[in-house]
């Protein structure tokens, strides 16, 4: 098996949190990619900041404005008075994968955590992710974990499961959920993975975990409490499928990832440019 799926870690006490923060992981970077989230970005930043303050972790929150056309960046900049909050971004929308990669390049923490800016994943689970990384390289949220509490329309649940089956068949990633928004990485593991990641849009998470699995990194799955109301658009589904086939092509056919393991600056030129 390419990856090791570990048992979910229990909640930490305040003493445990302080010890792990000071002895193991000096700093935590939280990356929030945001696109047209003006109505909730400020609340999401505030919620995450308040919780991280209570935990006592040295931390930074990096909000990446993925070329929003509304007031997302302005609303995020209102929180910039807090020294822990950074707001970065660019003018043209490029996709979640591009935003996370951009934020990762700005991160200074020894642990880097991705968290959706629409607050569909509770930030008070951060402590569990940090504890899990004592014995793993990556900790990911899973909607299919037996302790997860997920509210979602039946068609979306069906599409999610069908996509999971495709990922297993085509890529061989042995995790139950590639697409949940919260993922935490040891910094050294993330830096190794990001050198080989090229997907900018919806299947970015699949490529990250495909590379991690190829490198036999240790992955732990944790429960998540999440409410998903919207359905996938046909365009969204089509784009994910094309990206998935692209990852399969690079992994199984031309073995691009394997050939570039030791290339410090690999650049893949996609057949289809999004």
C-alpha atoms as a PDB file:
ATOM      1  CA  UNK A   1       0.000   0.000   0.000  1.00  0.00           C
ATOM      2  CA  UNK A   2       1.425   3.348  -1.052  1.00  0.00           C
ATOM      3  CA  UNK A   3       0.155   5.240   1.971  1.00  0.00           C
ATOM      4  CA  UNK A   4      -0.342   4.463   5.631  1.00  0.00           C
ATOM      5  CA  UNK A   5      -3.783   5.412   6.943  1.00  0.00           C
ATOM      6  CA  UNK A   6      -3.480   6.035  10.672  1.00  0.00           C
ATOM      7  CA  UNK A   7      -6.048   6.154  13.460  1.00  0.00           C
ATOM      8  CA  UNK A   8      -7.569   9.602  14.057  1.00  0.00           C
ATOM      9  CA  UNK A   9      -6.003  11.448  16.980  1.00  0.00           C
ATOM     10  CA  UNK A  10      -8.051  12.550  19.980  1.00  0.00           C
ATOM     11  CA  UNK A  11      -8.533  16.123  21.132  1.00  0.00           C
ATOM     12  CA  UNK A  12      -5.660  17.828  22.903  1.00  0.00           C
ATOM     13  CA  UNK A  13      -5.635  19.361  26.334  1.00  0.00           C
ATOM     14  CA  UNK A  14      -4.393  22.946  26.661  1.00  0.00           C
ATOM     15  CA  UNK A  15      -1.127  21.639  28.164  1.00  0.00           C
ATOM     16  CA  UNK A  16      -0.661  19.236  25.226  1.00  0.00           C
ATOM     17  CA  UNK A  17      -1.301  22.045  22.740  1.00  0.00           C
ATOM     18  CA  UNK A  18       1.263  24.314  24.333  1.00  0.00           C
ATOM     19  CA  UNK A  19       3.856  21.530  24.535  1.00  0.00           C
ATOM     20  CA  UNK A  20       3.425  20.512  20.894  1.00  0.00           C
ATOM     21  CA  UNK A  21       3.458  24.123  19.731  1.00  0.00           C
ATOM     22  CA  UNK A  22       6.661  25.018  21.540  1.00  0.00           C
ATOM     23  CA  UNK A  23       8.580  21.732  21.392  1.00  0.00           C
ATOM     24  CA  UNK A  24       7.651  20.232  18.025  1.00  0.00           C
ATOM     25  CA  UNK A  25       6.172  22.841  15.702  1.00  0.00           C
ATOM     26  CA  UNK A  26       7.395  26.389  16.380  1.00  0.00           C
ATOM     27  CA  UNK A  27       4.943  27.975  13.945  1.00  0.00           C
ATOM     28  CA  UNK A  28       1.729  27.165  12.079  1.00  0.00           C
ATOM     29  CA  UNK A  29       0.760  28.676   8.715  1.00  0.00           C
ATOM     30  CA  UNK A  30      -2.943  28.593   7.813  1.00  0.00           C
ATOM     31  CA  UNK A  31      -3.664  29.211   4.117  1.00  0.00           C
ATOM     32  CA  UNK A  32      -7.151  30.358   3.059  1.00  0.00           C
ATOM     33  CA  UNK A  33      -7.737  30.547  -0.699  1.00  0.00           C
ATOM     34  CA  UNK A  34     -10.627  32.917  -1.410  1.00  0.00           C
ATOM     35  CA  UNK A  35     -12.601  33.734  -4.531  1.00  0.00           C
ATOM     36  CA  UNK A  36     -15.614  36.059  -4.345  1.00  0.00           C
ATOM     37  CA  UNK A  37     -16.168  35.494  -0.615  1.00  0.00           C
ATOM     38  CA  UNK A  38     -16.847  39.084   0.445  1.00  0.00           C
ATOM     39  CA  UNK A  39     -19.843  38.150   2.599  1.00  0.00           C
ATOM     40  CA  UNK A  40     -17.985  35.716   4.855  1.00  0.00           C
ATOM     41  CA  UNK A  41     -14.225  36.100   4.532  1.00  0.00           C
ATOM     42  CA  UNK A  42     -13.950  38.527   7.479  1.00  0.00           C
ATOM     43  CA  UNK A  43     -15.982  36.199   9.717  1.00  0.00           C
ATOM     44  CA  UNK A  44     -13.912  33.179   8.690  1.00  0.00           C
ATOM     45  CA  UNK A  45     -10.650  34.999   9.447  1.00  0.00           C
ATOM     46  CA  UNK A  46     -11.994  36.171  12.804  1.00  0.00           C
ATOM     47  CA  UNK A  47     -13.185  32.692  13.761  1.00  0.00           C
ATOM     48  CA  UNK A  48      -9.868  31.071  12.877  1.00  0.00           C
ATOM     49  CA  UNK A  49      -7.859  33.821  14.586  1.00  0.00           C
ATOM     50  CA  UNK A  50      -9.853  33.631  17.821  1.00  0.00           C
ATOM     51  CA  UNK A  51      -9.480  29.866  17.999  1.00  0.00           C
ATOM     52  CA  UNK A  52      -5.753  29.924  17.251  1.00  0.00           C
ATOM     53  CA  UNK A  53      -5.255  32.602  19.897  1.00  0.00           C
ATOM     54  CA  UNK A  54      -6.908  30.327  22.473  1.00  0.00           C
ATOM     55  CA  UNK A  55      -4.668  27.405  21.532  1.00  0.00           C
ATOM     56  CA  UNK A  56      -1.524  29.432  22.052  1.00  0.00           C
ATOM     57  CA  UNK A  57       0.162  28.353  18.814  1.00  0.00           C
ATOM     58  CA  UNK A  58       2.621  30.727  17.148  1.00  0.00           C
ATOM     59  CA  UNK A  59       0.774  31.157  13.855  1.00  0.00           C
ATOM     60  CA  UNK A  60       0.048  33.149  10.715  1.00  0.00           C
ATOM     61  CA  UNK A  61      -3.088  33.261   8.565  1.00  0.00           C
ATOM     62  CA  UNK A  62      -2.430  33.813   4.869  1.00  0.00           C
ATOM     63  CA  UNK A  63      -5.513  34.824   2.864  1.00  0.00           C
ATOM     64  CA  UNK A  64      -4.966  34.381  -0.882  1.00  0.00           C
ATOM     65  CA  UNK A  65      -7.311  36.445  -3.048  1.00  0.00           C
ATOM     66  CA  UNK A  66      -7.647  34.331  -6.198  1.00  0.00           C
ATOM     67  CA  UNK A  67      -8.489  37.235  -8.508  1.00  0.00           C
ATOM     68  CA  UNK A  68     -11.881  38.001  -6.925  1.00  0.00           C
ATOM     69  CA  UNK A  69     -14.220  40.338  -8.792  1.00  0.00           C
ATOM     70  CA  UNK A  70     -16.069  41.470  -5.652  1.00  0.00           C
ATOM     71  CA  UNK A  71     -14.769  43.061  -2.421  1.00  0.00           C
ATOM     72  CA  UNK A  72     -13.121  39.924  -1.018  1.00  0.00           C
ATOM     73  CA  UNK A  73      -9.686  41.498  -0.843  1.00  0.00           C
ATOM     74  CA  UNK A  74     -10.988  44.700   0.751  1.00  0.00           C
ATOM     75  CA  UNK A  75     -12.901  42.734   3.375  1.00  0.00           C
ATOM     76  CA  UNK A  76      -9.866  40.561   4.116  1.00  0.00           C
ATOM     77  CA  UNK A  77      -7.602  43.617   4.377  1.00  0.00           C
ATOM     78  CA  UNK A  78      -9.770  44.914   7.219  1.00  0.00           C
ATOM     79  CA  UNK A  79      -8.254  42.143   9.361  1.00  0.00           C
ATOM     80  CA  UNK A  80      -4.701  43.128   8.429  1.00  0.00           C
ATOM     81  CA  UNK A  81      -4.319  45.149  11.635  1.00  0.00           C
ATOM     82  CA  UNK A  82      -3.737  41.835  13.389  1.00  0.00           C
ATOM     83  CA  UNK A  83      -0.030  40.950  13.034  1.00  0.00           C
ATOM     84  CA  UNK A  84      -0.923  37.294  12.448  1.00  0.00           C
ATOM     85  CA  UNK A  85      -2.952  38.005   9.275  1.00  0.00           C
ATOM     86  CA  UNK A  86      -1.459  38.436   5.802  1.00  0.00           C
ATOM     87  CA  UNK A  87      -3.449  39.164   2.646  1.00  0.00           C
ATOM     88  CA  UNK A  88      -1.859  38.304  -0.699  1.00  0.00           C
ATOM     89  CA  UNK A  89      -3.172  37.624  -4.182  1.00  0.00           C
ATOM     90  CA  UNK A  90      -3.247  38.522  -7.849  1.00  0.00           C
ATOM     91  CA  UNK A  91      -5.629  40.115 -10.343  1.00  0.00           C
ATOM     92  CA  UNK A  92      -6.772  37.225 -12.585  1.00  0.00           C
ATOM     93  CA  UNK A  93      -8.626  34.189 -11.237  1.00  0.00           C
ATOM     94  CA  UNK A  94      -6.465  31.075 -11.590  1.00  0.00           C
ATOM     95  CA  UNK A  95      -8.164  28.445  -9.447  1.00  0.00           C
ATOM     96  CA  UNK A  96      -7.930  26.997  -5.956  1.00  0.00           C
ATOM     97  CA  UNK A  97      -4.822  24.973  -6.692  1.00  0.00           C
ATOM     98  CA  UNK A  98      -2.939  28.015  -7.935  1.00  0.00           C
ATOM     99  CA  UNK A  99      -4.066  30.025  -4.891  1.00  0.00           C
ATOM    100  CA  UNK A 100      -2.933  27.375  -2.412  1.00  0.00           C
ATOM    101  CA  UNK A 101       0.416  27.032  -4.137  1.00  0.00           C
ATOM    102  CA  UNK A 102       0.866  30.820  -4.093  1.00  0.00           C
ATOM    103  CA  UNK A 103       0.047  30.896  -0.383  1.00  0.00           C
ATOM    104  CA  UNK A 104       2.405  28.002   0.322  1.00  0.00           C
ATOM    105  CA  UNK A 105       5.270  29.988  -1.176  1.00  0.00           C
ATOM    106  CA  UNK A 106       4.519  32.787   1.301  1.00  0.00           C
ATOM    107  CA  UNK A 107       4.202  30.498   4.333  1.00  0.00           C
ATOM    108  CA  UNK A 108       6.829  30.544   7.082  1.00  0.00           C
ATOM    109  CA  UNK A 109       5.420  27.848   9.369  1.00  0.00           C
ATOM    110  CA  UNK A 110       6.779  24.397  10.117  1.00  0.00           C
ATOM    111  CA  UNK A 111       3.229  23.095   9.738  1.00  0.00           C
ATOM    112  CA  UNK A 112       1.131  24.360   6.818  1.00  0.00           C
ATOM    113  CA  UNK A 113      -2.633  23.916   6.909  1.00  0.00           C
ATOM    114  CA  UNK A 114      -5.067  24.537   4.033  1.00  0.00           C
ATOM    115  CA  UNK A 115      -8.553  25.655   5.061  1.00  0.00           C
ATOM    116  CA  UNK A 116     -11.417  26.737   2.791  1.00  0.00           C
ATOM    117  CA  UNK A 117     -12.309  30.409   3.165  1.00  0.00           C
ATOM    118  CA  UNK A 118     -16.060  29.698   3.065  1.00  0.00           C
ATOM    119  CA  UNK A 119     -15.769  28.196   6.580  1.00  0.00           C
ATOM    120  CA  UNK A 120     -17.323  24.853   5.628  1.00  0.00           C
ATOM    121  CA  UNK A 121     -14.713  23.141   7.848  1.00  0.00           C
ATOM    122  CA  UNK A 122     -14.514  24.093  11.521  1.00  0.00           C
ATOM    123  CA  UNK A 123     -11.190  25.653  12.457  1.00  0.00           C
ATOM    124  CA  UNK A 124     -11.414  24.317  16.033  1.00  0.00           C
ATOM    125  CA  UNK A 125     -10.121  20.985  14.717  1.00  0.00           C
ATOM    126  CA  UNK A 126      -6.678  22.472  14.101  1.00  0.00           C
ATOM    127  CA  UNK A 127      -5.304  20.978  17.294  1.00  0.00           C
ATOM    128  CA  UNK A 128      -6.133  17.455  16.123  1.00  0.00           C
ATOM    129  CA  UNK A 129      -4.260  17.990  12.882  1.00  0.00           C
ATOM    130  CA  UNK A 130      -1.143  19.210  14.664  1.00  0.00           C
ATOM    131  CA  UNK A 131      -1.167  16.237  17.019  1.00  0.00           C
ATOM    132  CA  UNK A 132      -1.674  13.814  14.106  1.00  0.00           C
ATOM    133  CA  UNK A 133       1.440  15.151  12.382  1.00  0.00           C
ATOM    134  CA  UNK A 134       3.580  13.790  15.194  1.00  0.00           C
ATOM    135  CA  UNK A 135       3.266  10.404  13.447  1.00  0.00           C
ATOM    136  CA  UNK A 136       2.405  11.380   9.870  1.00  0.00           C
ATOM    137  CA  UNK A 137       3.450  13.665   7.028  1.00  0.00           C
ATOM    138  CA  UNK A 138      -0.062  14.761   6.052  1.00  0.00           C
ATOM    139  CA  UNK A 139      -3.404  14.973   7.889  1.00  0.00           C
ATOM    140  CA  UNK A 140      -6.583  15.313   5.832  1.00  0.00           C
ATOM    141  CA  UNK A 141     -10.270  15.736   6.587  1.00  0.00           C
ATOM    142  CA  UNK A 142     -12.510  12.940   5.334  1.00  0.00           C
ATOM    143  CA  UNK A 143     -16.268  13.147   4.874  1.00  0.00           C
ATOM    144  CA  UNK A 144     -16.325   9.334   4.933  1.00  0.00           C
ATOM    145  CA  UNK A 145     -14.626   8.936   8.308  1.00  0.00           C
ATOM    146  CA  UNK A 146     -16.987   7.061  10.682  1.00  0.00           C
ATOM    147  CA  UNK A 147     -16.922   9.985  13.145  1.00  0.00           C
ATOM    148  CA  UNK A 148     -17.670  12.644  10.512  1.00  0.00           C
ATOM    149  CA  UNK A 149     -20.917  14.609  10.543  1.00  0.00           C
ATOM    150  CA  UNK A 150     -21.817  15.568   6.979  1.00  0.00           C
ATOM    151  CA  UNK A 151     -24.940  17.253   5.635  1.00  0.00           C
ATOM    152  CA  UNK A 152     -25.089  17.285   1.842  1.00  0.00           C
ATOM    153  CA  UNK A 153     -27.647  16.717  -0.942  1.00  0.00           C
ATOM    154  CA  UNK A 154     -27.890  13.113  -2.135  1.00  0.00           C
ATOM    155  CA  UNK A 155     -26.789  13.906  -5.746  1.00  0.00           C
ATOM    156  CA  UNK A 156     -23.632  15.597  -4.464  1.00  0.00           C
ATOM    157  CA  UNK A 157     -22.897  12.660  -2.165  1.00  0.00           C
ATOM    158  CA  UNK A 158     -23.297  10.279  -5.121  1.00  0.00           C
ATOM    159  CA  UNK A 159     -20.992  12.344  -7.368  1.00  0.00           C
ATOM    160  CA  UNK A 160     -18.432  12.569  -4.577  1.00  0.00           C
ATOM    161  CA  UNK A 161     -18.414   8.803  -4.125  1.00  0.00           C
ATOM    162  CA  UNK A 162     -18.219   8.185  -7.885  1.00  0.00           C
ATOM    163  CA  UNK A 163     -15.252  10.548  -8.134  1.00  0.00           C
ATOM    164  CA  UNK A 164     -13.567   8.727  -5.246  1.00  0.00           C
ATOM    165  CA  UNK A 165     -13.916   5.405  -7.106  1.00  0.00           C
ATOM    166  CA  UNK A 166     -12.391   6.945 -10.237  1.00  0.00           C
ATOM    167  CA  UNK A 167      -9.466   8.308  -8.238  1.00  0.00           C
ATOM    168  CA  UNK A 168      -8.779   4.875  -6.739  1.00  0.00           C
ATOM    169  CA  UNK A 169      -8.997   3.123 -10.115  1.00  0.00           C
ATOM    170  CA  UNK A 170      -6.964   5.628 -12.121  1.00  0.00           C
ATOM    171  CA  UNK A 171      -4.508   7.026  -9.586  1.00  0.00           C
ATOM    172  CA  UNK A 172      -4.390   4.420  -6.827  1.00  0.00           C
ATOM    173  CA  UNK A 173      -4.614   6.924  -3.953  1.00  0.00           C
ATOM    174  CA  UNK A 174      -5.742   4.904  -0.936  1.00  0.00           C
ATOM    175  CA  UNK A 175      -7.609   7.535   1.044  1.00  0.00           C
ATOM    176  CA  UNK A 176     -11.377   7.801   1.424  1.00  0.00           C
ATOM    177  CA  UNK A 177     -11.702  11.494   0.530  1.00  0.00           C
ATOM    178  CA  UNK A 178      -9.382  13.661  -1.550  1.00  0.00           C
ATOM    179  CA  UNK A 179     -11.597  16.756  -1.789  1.00  0.00           C
ATOM    180  CA  UNK A 180     -12.392  17.951   1.755  1.00  0.00           C
ATOM    181  CA  UNK A 181     -11.080  21.459   2.329  1.00  0.00           C
ATOM    182  CA  UNK A 182      -8.847  20.991   5.382  1.00  0.00           C
ATOM    183  CA  UNK A 183      -5.393  19.444   4.993  1.00  0.00           C
ATOM    184  CA  UNK A 184      -2.252  19.834   7.105  1.00  0.00           C
ATOM    185  CA  UNK A 185       1.344  19.123   6.101  1.00  0.00           C
ATOM    186  CA  UNK A 186       4.763  18.989   7.600  1.00  0.00           C
ATOM    187  CA  UNK A 187       6.587  21.762   5.784  1.00  0.00           C
ATOM    188  CA  UNK A 188       9.296  19.506   4.376  1.00  0.00           C
ATOM    189  CA  UNK A 189       6.667  17.145   2.934  1.00  0.00           C
ATOM    190  CA  UNK A 190       4.699  20.010   1.398  1.00  0.00           C
ATOM    191  CA  UNK A 191       7.777  21.545  -0.247  1.00  0.00           C
ATOM    192  CA  UNK A 192       8.628  18.197  -1.840  1.00  0.00           C
ATOM    193  CA  UNK A 193       5.083  17.726  -3.134  1.00  0.00           C
ATOM    194  CA  UNK A 194       4.586  21.243  -4.457  1.00  0.00           C
ATOM    195  CA  UNK A 195       7.562  21.023  -6.792  1.00  0.00           C
ATOM    196  CA  UNK A 196       5.623  18.430  -8.806  1.00  0.00           C
ATOM    197  CA  UNK A 197       2.122  19.922  -8.697  1.00  0.00           C
ATOM    198  CA  UNK A 198       0.740  21.578 -11.837  1.00  0.00           C
ATOM    199  CA  UNK A 199      -3.072  21.396 -11.552  1.00  0.00           C
ATOM    200  CA  UNK A 200      -4.528  24.849 -10.885  1.00  0.00           C
ATOM    201  CA  UNK A 201      -8.193  24.027 -10.477  1.00  0.00           C
ATOM    202  CA  UNK A 202     -10.525  21.427  -9.043  1.00  0.00           C
ATOM    203  CA  UNK A 203      -8.374  18.287  -9.008  1.00  0.00           C
ATOM    204  CA  UNK A 204      -5.469  20.013  -7.257  1.00  0.00           C
ATOM    205  CA  UNK A 205      -6.098  17.965  -4.085  1.00  0.00           C
ATOM    206  CA  UNK A 206      -5.949  14.719  -6.053  1.00  0.00           C
ATOM    207  CA  UNK A 207      -2.583  15.617  -7.555  1.00  0.00           C
ATOM    208  CA  UNK A 208      -1.173  16.562  -4.141  1.00  0.00           C
ATOM    209  CA  UNK A 209      -2.206  13.216  -2.660  1.00  0.00           C
ATOM    210  CA  UNK A 210      -1.115  11.304  -5.778  1.00  0.00           C
ATOM    211  CA  UNK A 211       2.397  12.711  -5.420  1.00  0.00           C
ATOM    212  CA  UNK A 212       2.373  12.040  -1.667  1.00  0.00           C
ATOM    213  CA  UNK A 213       1.294   8.442  -2.253  1.00  0.00           C
ATOM    214  CA  UNK A 214       3.963   7.946  -4.920  1.00  0.00           C
ATOM    215  CA  UNK A 215       6.544   9.160  -2.386  1.00  0.00           C
ATOM    216  CA  UNK A 216       5.092   6.790   0.250  1.00  0.00           C
ATOM    217  CA  UNK A 217       4.349   9.620   2.647  1.00  0.00           C
ATOM    218  CA  UNK A 218       2.297   8.814   5.750  1.00  0.00           C
ATOM    219  CA  UNK A 219      -1.283  10.110   5.582  1.00  0.00           C
ATOM    220  CA  UNK A 220      -3.793  10.267   8.433  1.00  0.00           C
ATOM    221  CA  UNK A 221      -7.528  10.811   7.922  1.00  0.00           C
ATOM    222  CA  UNK A 222      -9.535  12.757  10.501  1.00  0.00           C
ATOM    223  CA  UNK A 223     -13.280  13.299  10.947  1.00  0.00           C
ATOM    224  CA  UNK A 224     -14.933  16.514   9.823  1.00  0.00           C
ATOM    225  CA  UNK A 225     -18.160  18.355  10.613  1.00  0.00           C
ATOM    226  CA  UNK A 226     -19.347  19.932   7.386  1.00  0.00           C
ATOM    227  CA  UNK A 227     -22.493  21.190   5.646  1.00  0.00           C
ATOM    228  CA  UNK A 228     -22.483  21.315   1.843  1.00  0.00           C
ATOM    229  CA  UNK A 229     -25.534  22.819   0.187  1.00  0.00           C
ATOM    230  CA  UNK A 230     -24.592  23.572  -3.413  1.00  0.00           C
ATOM    231  CA  UNK A 231     -24.369  21.020  -6.228  1.00  0.00           C
ATOM    232  CA  UNK A 232     -21.561  20.651  -8.746  1.00  0.00           C
ATOM    233  CA  UNK A 233     -22.092  22.365 -12.096  1.00  0.00           C
ATOM    234  CA  UNK A 234     -21.671  20.328 -15.290  1.00  0.00           C
ATOM    235  CA  UNK A 235     -18.637  22.494 -16.133  1.00  0.00           C
ATOM    236  CA  UNK A 236     -17.142  21.776 -12.713  1.00  0.00           C
ATOM    237  CA  UNK A 237     -17.569  18.014 -13.148  1.00  0.00           C
ATOM    238  CA  UNK A 238     -16.120  18.039 -16.674  1.00  0.00           C
ATOM    239  CA  UNK A 239     -13.096  20.030 -15.602  1.00  0.00           C
ATOM    240  CA  UNK A 240     -12.401  17.704 -12.685  1.00  0.00           C
ATOM    241  CA  UNK A 241     -12.549  14.693 -14.993  1.00  0.00           C
ATOM    242  CA  UNK A 242     -10.145  16.270 -17.489  1.00  0.00           C
ATOM    243  CA  UNK A 243      -7.729  17.215 -14.716  1.00  0.00           C
ATOM    244  CA  UNK A 244      -7.967  13.689 -13.301  1.00  0.00           C
ATOM    245  CA  UNK A 245      -7.139  12.194 -16.693  1.00  0.00           C
ATOM    246  CA  UNK A 246      -4.185  14.578 -16.938  1.00  0.00           C
ATOM    247  CA  UNK A 247      -2.820  13.387 -13.593  1.00  0.00           C
ATOM    248  CA  UNK A 248      -3.289   9.770 -14.703  1.00  0.00           C
ATOM    249  CA  UNK A 249      -1.429  10.485 -17.946  1.00  0.00           C
ATOM    250  CA  UNK A 250       1.529  12.044 -16.119  1.00  0.00           C
ATOM    251  CA  UNK A 251       1.621   9.310 -13.468  1.00  0.00           C
ATOM    252  CA  UNK A 252       0.856   6.139 -15.438  1.00  0.00           C
ATOM    253  CA  UNK A 253       1.739   6.855 -19.076  1.00  0.00           C
ATOM    254  CA  UNK A 254       4.704   9.231 -19.354  1.00  0.00           C
ATOM    255  CA  UNK A 255       5.763   8.879 -15.686  1.00  0.00           C
ATOM    256  CA  UNK A 256       6.470  12.590 -15.521  1.00  0.00           C
ATOM    257  CA  UNK A 257       6.336  12.722 -11.702  1.00  0.00           C
ATOM    258  CA  UNK A 258       8.752   9.847 -11.311  1.00  0.00           C
ATOM    259  CA  UNK A 259      11.212  11.299 -13.834  1.00  0.00           C
ATOM    260  CA  UNK A 260      11.233  14.691 -12.105  1.00  0.00           C
ATOM    261  CA  UNK A 261      11.626  13.596  -8.489  1.00  0.00           C
ATOM    262  CA  UNK A 262      15.094  15.121  -8.266  1.00  0.00           C
ATOM    263  CA  UNK A 263      14.452  18.084 -10.555  1.00  0.00           C
ATOM    264  CA  UNK A 264      14.510  21.202  -8.365  1.00  0.00           C
ATOM    265  CA  UNK A 265      12.437  23.268 -10.806  1.00  0.00           C
ATOM    266  CA  UNK A 266      10.264  20.994 -12.982  1.00  0.00           C
ATOM    267  CA  UNK A 267       7.780  22.636 -15.362  1.00  0.00           C
ATOM    268  CA  UNK A 268       5.052  20.589 -17.005  1.00  0.00           C
ATOM    269  CA  UNK A 269       3.514  21.968 -20.209  1.00  0.00           C
ATOM    270  CA  UNK A 270      -0.111  20.764 -20.254  1.00  0.00           C
ATOM    271  CA  UNK A 271      -1.782  19.533 -23.427  1.00  0.00           C
ATOM    272  CA  UNK A 272      -4.844  21.618 -22.509  1.00  0.00           C
ATOM    273  CA  UNK A 273      -4.211  25.051 -21.034  1.00  0.00           C
ATOM    274  CA  UNK A 274      -6.947  26.254 -18.714  1.00  0.00           C
END
